[in-house]
Protein backbone atom coordinates (compact mmCIF):
# COMPACT_ATOMS: atom_id res chain seq x y z
CA UNK A 1 -0.05 0.01 0.03
CA UNK A 2 1.26 3.48 -0.59
CA UNK A 3 2.97 5.15 2.30
CA UNK A 4 1.95 8.49 3.76
CA UNK A 5 3.22 11.60 1.86
CA UNK A 6 5.99 12.10 4.40
CA UNK A 7 7.32 8.79 3.71
CA UNK A 8 8.38 9.44 0.06
CA UNK A 9 12.18 9.52 -0.28
CA UNK A 10 14.20 11.35 -2.86
CA UNK A 11 17.58 10.11 -4.15
CA UNK A 12 19.68 12.11 -6.61
CA UNK A 13 22.90 11.39 -8.61
CA UNK A 14 25.22 14.29 -8.84
CA UNK A 15 28.04 15.23 -11.24
CA UNK A 16 26.17 14.46 -14.46
CA UNK A 17 28.17 12.77 -17.31
CA UNK A 18 27.38 10.25 -19.98
CA UNK A 19 26.43 6.99 -18.40
CA UNK A 20 29.36 4.45 -18.26
CA UNK A 21 27.46 2.04 -20.56
CA UNK A 22 26.71 4.80 -23.23
CA UNK A 23 28.25 3.84 -26.39
CA UNK A 24 28.82 7.48 -27.33
CA UNK A 25 31.69 8.66 -25.15
CA UNK A 26 34.22 11.02 -26.76
CA UNK A 27 34.00 12.16 -30.43
CA UNK A 28 32.10 10.57 -33.19
CA UNK A 29 34.10 8.05 -35.12
CA UNK A 30 33.22 9.44 -38.56
CA UNK A 31 35.33 6.89 -40.64
CA UNK A 32 33.60 4.02 -38.81
CA UNK A 33 30.14 5.59 -39.33
CA UNK A 34 30.81 6.30 -43.07
CA UNK A 35 31.91 2.74 -43.53
CA UNK A 36 28.47 1.61 -42.19
CA UNK A 37 26.54 4.42 -43.99
CA UNK A 38 28.29 5.80 -47.05
CA UNK A 39 25.63 8.42 -47.52
CA UNK A 40 27.00 10.22 -44.54
CA UNK A 41 30.13 11.15 -46.30
CA UNK A 42 28.36 13.80 -48.42
CA UNK A 43 27.64 15.73 -45.23
CA UNK A 44 31.06 15.73 -43.61
CA UNK A 45 33.06 18.97 -43.28
CA UNK A 46 36.28 20.24 -41.81
CA UNK A 47 36.11 22.54 -38.80
CA UNK A 48 38.43 25.55 -38.57
CA UNK A 49 40.43 23.34 -36.04
CA UNK A 50 40.83 20.72 -38.70
CA UNK A 51 38.39 18.25 -37.22
CA UNK A 52 35.84 16.15 -39.13
CA UNK A 53 32.22 17.01 -38.23
CA UNK A 54 28.85 17.84 -39.83
CA UNK A 55 26.77 20.98 -39.88
CA UNK A 56 24.43 20.44 -36.90
CA UNK A 57 22.10 23.16 -38.18
CA UNK A 58 21.20 21.08 -41.25
CA UNK A 59 18.40 18.76 -40.60
CA UNK A 60 19.43 16.51 -43.61
CA UNK A 61 22.93 16.14 -42.19
CA UNK A 62 21.68 15.30 -38.64
CA UNK A 63 19.38 12.67 -39.99
CA UNK A 64 22.24 11.12 -41.98
CA UNK A 65 24.30 11.04 -38.74
CA UNK A 66 21.45 9.30 -36.80
CA UNK A 67 20.94 6.70 -39.53
CA UNK A 68 24.64 5.89 -39.53
CA UNK A 69 24.73 5.63 -35.66
CA UNK A 70 21.67 3.51 -35.61
CA UNK A 71 22.94 1.07 -38.27
CA UNK A 72 26.55 0.94 -36.92
CA UNK A 73 25.94 0.82 -33.12
CA UNK A 74 22.49 -0.67 -32.81
CA UNK A 75 21.86 -2.76 -35.82
CA UNK A 76 18.95 -0.71 -37.13
CA UNK A 77 19.28 -1.04 -40.78
CA UNK A 78 16.35 1.05 -41.96
CA UNK A 79 15.56 4.53 -40.40
CA UNK A 80 14.48 7.93 -41.67
CA UNK A 81 12.27 10.88 -40.80
CA UNK A 82 10.16 13.15 -42.90
CA UNK A 83 11.15 16.77 -43.11
CA UNK A 84 10.18 18.74 -39.96
CA UNK A 85 9.97 15.70 -37.55
CA UNK A 86 11.79 15.83 -34.25
CA UNK A 87 15.31 14.56 -34.89
CA UNK A 88 16.57 13.22 -31.58
CA UNK A 89 20.24 13.25 -30.38
CA UNK A 90 21.06 9.68 -29.76
CA UNK A 91 23.60 10.01 -26.92
CA UNK A 92 21.14 11.70 -24.64
CA UNK A 93 18.28 9.39 -25.51
CA UNK A 94 20.61 6.37 -24.74
CA UNK A 95 21.55 7.92 -21.41
CA UNK A 96 17.91 8.02 -20.22
CA UNK A 97 17.52 4.26 -21.05
CA UNK A 98 20.74 3.26 -19.25
CA UNK A 99 19.57 5.23 -16.23
CA UNK A 100 16.23 3.25 -16.39
CA UNK A 101 18.03 0.05 -16.60
CA UNK A 102 19.81 0.98 -13.28
CA UNK A 103 16.53 1.88 -11.74
CA UNK A 104 15.17 -1.61 -12.49
CA UNK A 105 18.41 -3.33 -11.27
CA UNK A 106 18.09 -1.54 -7.97
CA UNK A 107 14.50 -2.84 -7.65
CA UNK A 108 15.69 -6.40 -7.75
CA UNK A 109 18.98 -8.13 -6.95
CA UNK A 110 21.20 -5.52 -8.59
CA UNK A 111 21.32 -7.27 -11.94
CA UNK A 112 19.98 -5.31 -14.92
CA UNK A 113 16.94 -7.21 -16.26
CA UNK A 114 17.05 -8.08 -19.95
CA UNK A 115 14.78 -9.73 -22.47
CA UNK A 116 11.14 -9.58 -23.40
CA UNK A 117 9.69 -10.06 -19.90
CA UNK A 118 10.47 -6.27 -19.42
CA UNK A 119 7.72 -4.19 -20.81
CA UNK A 120 8.09 -0.40 -21.23
CA UNK A 121 5.57 2.22 -22.21
CA UNK A 122 6.99 5.25 -24.22
CA UNK A 123 4.58 8.15 -23.93
CA UNK A 124 4.92 10.22 -27.06
CA UNK A 125 6.94 7.80 -29.02
CA UNK A 126 7.17 10.09 -32.05
CA UNK A 127 8.03 9.37 -35.59
CA UNK A 128 11.61 8.41 -34.74
CA UNK A 129 10.60 5.66 -32.38
CA UNK A 130 13.98 6.28 -30.84
CA UNK A 131 13.50 4.93 -27.37
CA UNK A 132 11.92 1.57 -28.36
CA UNK A 133 14.73 1.09 -30.97
CA UNK A 134 17.57 1.82 -28.59
CA UNK A 135 15.99 0.00 -25.55
CA UNK A 136 15.30 -3.13 -27.49
CA UNK A 137 18.80 -3.20 -29.12
CA UNK A 138 20.57 -2.56 -25.72
CA UNK A 139 18.42 -4.68 -23.36
CA UNK A 140 16.03 -6.69 -25.40
CA UNK A 141 13.05 -5.03 -23.75
CA UNK A 142 9.57 -4.98 -25.22
CA UNK A 143 7.84 -1.60 -25.87
CA UNK A 144 4.49 -0.07 -26.36
CA UNK A 145 4.76 3.40 -27.90
CA UNK A 146 1.80 5.89 -27.80
CA UNK A 147 1.35 9.03 -29.69
CA UNK A 148 -1.53 11.47 -30.45
CA UNK A 149 -0.31 12.06 -34.05
CA UNK A 150 -1.37 9.52 -36.70
CA UNK A 151 1.26 10.56 -39.16
CA UNK A 152 4.02 10.09 -36.48
CA UNK A 153 2.70 6.69 -35.74
CA UNK A 154 2.70 5.82 -39.58
CA UNK A 155 6.36 6.74 -39.82
CA UNK A 156 7.21 4.71 -36.73
CA UNK A 157 5.27 1.83 -37.87
CA UNK A 158 7.13 1.73 -41.17
CA UNK A 159 10.53 1.82 -39.17
CA UNK A 160 9.27 -1.07 -36.90
CA UNK A 161 8.21 -3.20 -39.91
CA UNK A 162 11.26 -2.48 -42.05
CA UNK A 163 13.45 -3.72 -39.18
CA UNK A 164 11.27 -6.73 -38.43
CA UNK A 165 10.65 -5.56 -34.84
CA UNK A 166 7.01 -6.05 -34.71
CA UNK A 167 7.03 -8.63 -31.93
CA UNK A 168 9.23 -6.28 -29.82
CA UNK A 169 7.43 -2.88 -30.47
CA UNK A 170 3.79 -2.21 -30.54
CA UNK A 171 2.44 1.19 -31.37
CA UNK A 172 -0.85 2.74 -30.19
CA UNK A 173 -2.78 5.87 -31.07
CA UNK A 174 -3.82 8.07 -28.05
CA UNK A 175 -7.00 9.40 -29.28
CA UNK A 176 -7.43 12.01 -26.50
CA UNK A 177 -4.83 14.92 -26.73
CA UNK A 178 -5.62 15.85 -23.10
CA UNK A 179 -4.82 12.35 -21.71
CA UNK A 180 -1.54 10.49 -21.14
CA UNK A 181 -2.10 6.98 -19.75
CA UNK A 182 -5.99 6.87 -19.92
CA UNK A 183 -7.18 4.96 -23.04
CA UNK A 184 -3.70 3.61 -23.74
CA UNK A 185 -2.96 1.44 -20.69
CA UNK A 186 -5.29 -1.48 -20.69
CA UNK A 187 -6.90 -2.79 -17.55
CA UNK A 188 -5.05 -6.13 -17.71
CA UNK A 189 -1.59 -4.69 -18.55
CA UNK A 190 1.59 -4.16 -16.49
CA UNK A 191 4.56 -2.19 -17.31
CA UNK A 192 7.97 -2.25 -15.57
CA UNK A 193 8.54 1.35 -16.74
CA UNK A 194 6.98 4.30 -18.44
CA UNK A 195 9.15 6.91 -20.01
CA UNK A 196 8.53 10.30 -21.57
CA UNK A 197 10.09 13.36 -23.09
CA UNK A 198 7.42 15.93 -22.40
CA UNK A 199 6.64 18.82 -24.69
CA UNK A 200 8.82 21.68 -23.64
CA UNK A 201 6.91 24.81 -24.43
CA UNK A 202 3.64 26.26 -23.48
CA UNK A 203 2.61 27.83 -26.81
CA UNK A 204 3.46 27.69 -30.52
CA UNK A 205 4.94 31.20 -30.45
CA UNK A 206 7.22 30.18 -27.57
CA UNK A 207 8.38 27.07 -29.62
CA UNK A 208 8.92 29.13 -32.61
CA UNK A 209 11.07 31.72 -30.82
CA UNK A 210 13.17 28.95 -29.19
CA UNK A 211 13.67 27.31 -32.64
CA UNK A 212 14.98 30.51 -34.14
CA UNK A 213 17.33 31.20 -31.27
CA UNK A 214 18.67 27.74 -31.68
CA UNK A 215 19.27 28.14 -35.35
CA UNK A 216 21.15 31.30 -34.65
CA UNK A 217 23.37 29.68 -32.03
CA UNK A 218 24.19 26.69 -34.23
CA UNK A 219 25.09 29.01 -37.04
CA UNK A 220 27.54 30.93 -34.86
CA UNK A 221 28.90 28.04 -32.88
CA UNK A 222 31.64 25.59 -34.30
CA UNK A 223 30.48 21.99 -34.85
CA UNK A 224 30.33 20.24 -31.53
CA UNK A 225 31.63 16.83 -30.43
CA UNK A 226 28.11 15.67 -30.04
CA UNK A 227 24.71 16.66 -31.53
CA UNK A 228 23.23 19.80 -29.96
CA UNK A 229 21.72 19.61 -26.55
CA UNK A 230 18.17 18.25 -26.73
CA UNK A 231 16.04 20.87 -25.25
CA UNK A 232 14.59 22.10 -27.43
CA UNK A 233 15.52 19.65 -30.16
CA UNK A 234 16.14 20.65 -33.85
CA UNK A 235 12.83 20.43 -35.76
CA UNK A 236 9.69 19.01 -34.38
CA UNK A 237 5.97 19.20 -34.96
CA UNK A 238 3.63 21.21 -32.73
CA UNK A 239 2.50 18.19 -30.71
CA UNK A 240 6.18 17.30 -29.94
CA UNK A 241 7.25 20.86 -28.91
CA UNK A 242 4.36 22.43 -27.01
CA UNK A 243 1.12 21.78 -25.08
CA UNK A 244 -1.02 24.10 -23.11
CA UNK A 245 0.80 24.80 -19.93
CA UNK A 246 4.05 23.44 -21.18
CA UNK A 247 6.23 20.93 -19.49
CA UNK A 248 4.92 21.71 -16.01
CA UNK A 249 1.29 21.15 -16.79
CA UNK A 250 2.22 17.92 -18.68
CA UNK A 251 3.99 16.57 -15.65
CA UNK A 252 1.10 17.52 -13.30
CA UNK A 253 -1.28 15.62 -15.70
CA UNK A 254 0.94 12.75 -15.71
CA UNK A 255 1.18 12.45 -11.93
CA UNK A 256 -2.57 12.69 -11.63
CA UNK A 257 -3.04 9.97 -14.04
CA UNK A 258 -0.44 7.74 -12.60
CA UNK A 259 -2.43 7.40 -9.40
CA UNK A 260 -5.26 5.50 -11.18
CA UNK A 261 -2.81 2.84 -12.61
CA UNK A 262 -0.20 2.93 -9.74
CA UNK A 263 -0.45 -0.87 -9.14
CA UNK A 264 0.03 -1.70 -12.88
CA UNK A 265 3.37 0.08 -13.25
CA UNK A 266 6.56 -0.50 -11.27
CA UNK A 267 8.16 2.88 -12.06
CA UNK A 268 6.72 5.97 -13.82
CA UNK A 269 9.45 8.24 -15.16
CA UNK A 270 9.90 11.39 -17.21
CA UNK A 271 12.58 13.72 -18.35
CA UNK A 272 12.25 17.12 -16.77
CA UNK A 273 14.12 19.74 -18.80
CA UNK A 274 13.61 22.70 -16.55
CA UNK A 275 15.02 22.54 -12.95
CA UNK A 276 12.44 25.11 -11.80
CA UNK A 277 9.69 22.62 -12.35
CA UNK A 278 11.19 20.15 -9.84
CA UNK A 279 9.88 21.71 -6.63
CA UNK A 280 6.23 21.65 -7.88
CA UNK A 281 6.68 18.17 -9.05
CA UNK A 282 7.98 16.97 -5.74
CA UNK A 283 5.07 18.56 -3.95
CA UNK A 284 2.53 16.95 -6.23
CA UNK A 285 4.17 13.51 -5.78
CA UNK A 286 3.97 13.85 -2.03
CA UNK A 287 0.25 14.76 -2.37
CA UNK A 288 -0.21 11.65 -4.68
CA UNK A 289 1.47 9.55 -1.94
CA UNK A 290 4.28 8.21 -4.07
CA UNK A 291 6.14 5.70 -2.00
CA UNK A 292 9.43 6.67 -3.44
CA UNK A 293 10.75 9.48 -5.73
CA UNK A 294 14.25 9.46 -7.42
CA UNK A 295 15.92 12.27 -9.46
CA UNK A 296 18.68 11.16 -11.59
CA UNK A 297 20.97 13.71 -13.16
CA UNK A 298 22.15 13.42 -16.81
CA UNK A 299 24.47 15.22 -19.10
CA UNK A 300 22.90 16.30 -22.37
CA UNK A 301 25.45 18.20 -24.60
CA UNK A 302 26.22 21.42 -22.82
CA UNK A 303 23.12 21.26 -20.76
CA UNK A 304 22.25 19.47 -17.51
CA UNK A 305 19.07 17.39 -17.52
CA UNK A 306 17.52 14.84 -15.38
CA UNK A 307 14.69 12.36 -15.13
CA UNK A 308 12.35 11.95 -12.27
CA UNK A 309 10.98 8.42 -11.33
CA UNK A 310 8.29 7.57 -8.92
CA UNK A 311 6.49 4.42 -7.69
CA UNK A 312 3.42 3.37 -5.62
CA UNK A 313 5.14 0.13 -4.71
CA UNK A 314 7.17 -0.31 -1.62
CA UNK A 315 10.60 -1.97 -1.56
CA UNK A 316 9.17 -5.38 -0.74
CA UNK A 317 6.56 -5.10 -3.59
CA UNK A 318 9.24 -3.95 -6.02
CA UNK A 319 11.56 -6.89 -5.17
CA UNK A 320 8.68 -9.43 -5.52
CA UNK A 321 7.81 -7.83 -8.81
CA UNK A 322 11.25 -8.23 -10.26
CA UNK A 323 11.68 -11.71 -8.73
CA UNK A 324 8.48 -12.84 -10.57
CA UNK A 325 10.02 -11.73 -13.99
CA UNK A 326 13.43 -13.33 -13.51
């Protein structure tokens, strides 16, 4: 049973850096990536310091880089996005998944659970389907990805089919734009994890202004070691970039809905881009009587990010849940 609000505990990891298991430490190995995906060669350039890179303000180049990384490092042979779709920086997305793997390990005997017995719900899977692709490649987990946008789901479905991952990744339409878990999570389902990269902005105008600022910054800055920090990301459709009330309201809604399915999910999680939203989120999780809350810091380019995880299962419940799937 959930503990009282005062019983919720918060744990944090300091000194954010790429996770030790993240494949993307240091600089991109462009010769290796080009060997895997020759099309990337057309987008290479030499920086003023004589280093090989790409123009990170060019969405075509960024898509080509992602295709090469997915093919070379994760065995994803077929991946592409339509113009304007959110193109995710893979190192940061991988970091979130590795942190989630550690979270599950701590809920059991310390061993990272692998394989199809682990089920994960990706809220807002997007056209890229990036979290299911990476999570299945790294850990063999099964995913359900939900999205409000039919076109994004069509693109993601084509990626799943082309890579013969239909048994590992299922995609569902969220018909209600003002809902997160409701209508997606079925009454007889259980998930070890939910994950989410919430819409960042509170309005279309705010998103457009941030997009223009980012383009200017990318145009002035030298090409980076890694793809630009992901908040806000390069590109993106309206439903990916903004929602009424922005990230803070989306998180409040997520917490409210999580209470209704608290026994069906081991850990709810979400990225939180803005640190100023943490205090309100902590307060709401206490009011929701979350048994435990964790904040895990991550490095995302030049920015610091984090994900927040909460559960309505006490330690004994979590151990029993994990033991039942080993």
